[in-house]
Amino acid sequence: MGAHALASDGSPDVGSMAAKLLRLLDRVDYRVAVTDADREDIFRLRYESYRREDGVGPRFDRRLSDRYDDLDNTTIVAMYIDGEMAGTVRVSVATAAHPEFPAMEVFSDLLDPHLAAGKTLVDPTRMAAREDLSRTYPGMLPYMMIRVPWMIAEYFNADAIIAGVRAEHRAFYRRTFGSRQLGEPRLYPTLLKPQYLTYGEYRLVRESVQQRWPSFRSTAFERRMLVEGQTPPVAAAPRISTAAALPLPAANSAMV
């Protein structure tokens, strides 16, 4: 797992990790990618990250993008630490009126009933991180990036956060969101490794997750900027500061 403290069962020590994440949060900014230059940087970071783990095959253009990047219900976010791009995640918000999102392409039989029931689903995909900064902050960048779909889920009062993930990443979603696996693994277009669909009941676990991980708390301003703060491509990407103090819980206090 890296250099951070481990509990007796080998999982990250929650108290130690939670404190580290909260300290790191003061140095983290999230920016919605709206310019062509920002998007290209992200597409290339995705490719490098996925190639490093043999998640995709080689490509001459050395970029990873698909049609979901251009949908109205999808937001692409870059995460910066001290002004350096450290990672990225793409987030799609799905409803019966907006049923086009990555997980639906291969898990439609499992997800259709949820949309038909009127649920709102948040689908984070294309999570990627810089290799050098992953070593600098062992085990921490996935938590910092998955905070983005968590904030978007809160903005939309979503029912669930879903994710198509590789086998080795299931434990992260189970540990963080209490996610359960739906169905069996399936192959996803462009990806080389089977994907497992995980389903986390956002509304049911919201308070308990934020008790364990206070860095997942956010301000209304942050959430609005992620969803409403996008500007036309000719303008600079909005910058979201997390420097504001976040309320801490009482004393009881790893991607796609």
Foldseek 3Di string as FASTA:
>chain_A
DADADADPVRHHDLQRLLVVLVVQQQQKKKWWDFAPVSVQVQQLQLLVQCVVVQFFDDDPVNGDDDPQVPDPQKIKMFMDGNRHTFKIKMKGKDALVRHDDQVCVPCVVVCVVCRVVGFIEIEIASIGGDPVVCNVVPQRVQVVHVLLSLLLCVVVVGQKYKYWAAPVCPVVCCVQQVWDWDDDWDDGPRTDGTTTITIGGCVVCVVVNCLSRVSSDDDPVQSCCRNPVADHNVDDIDMGRPNDDGDHDPDPYHHD
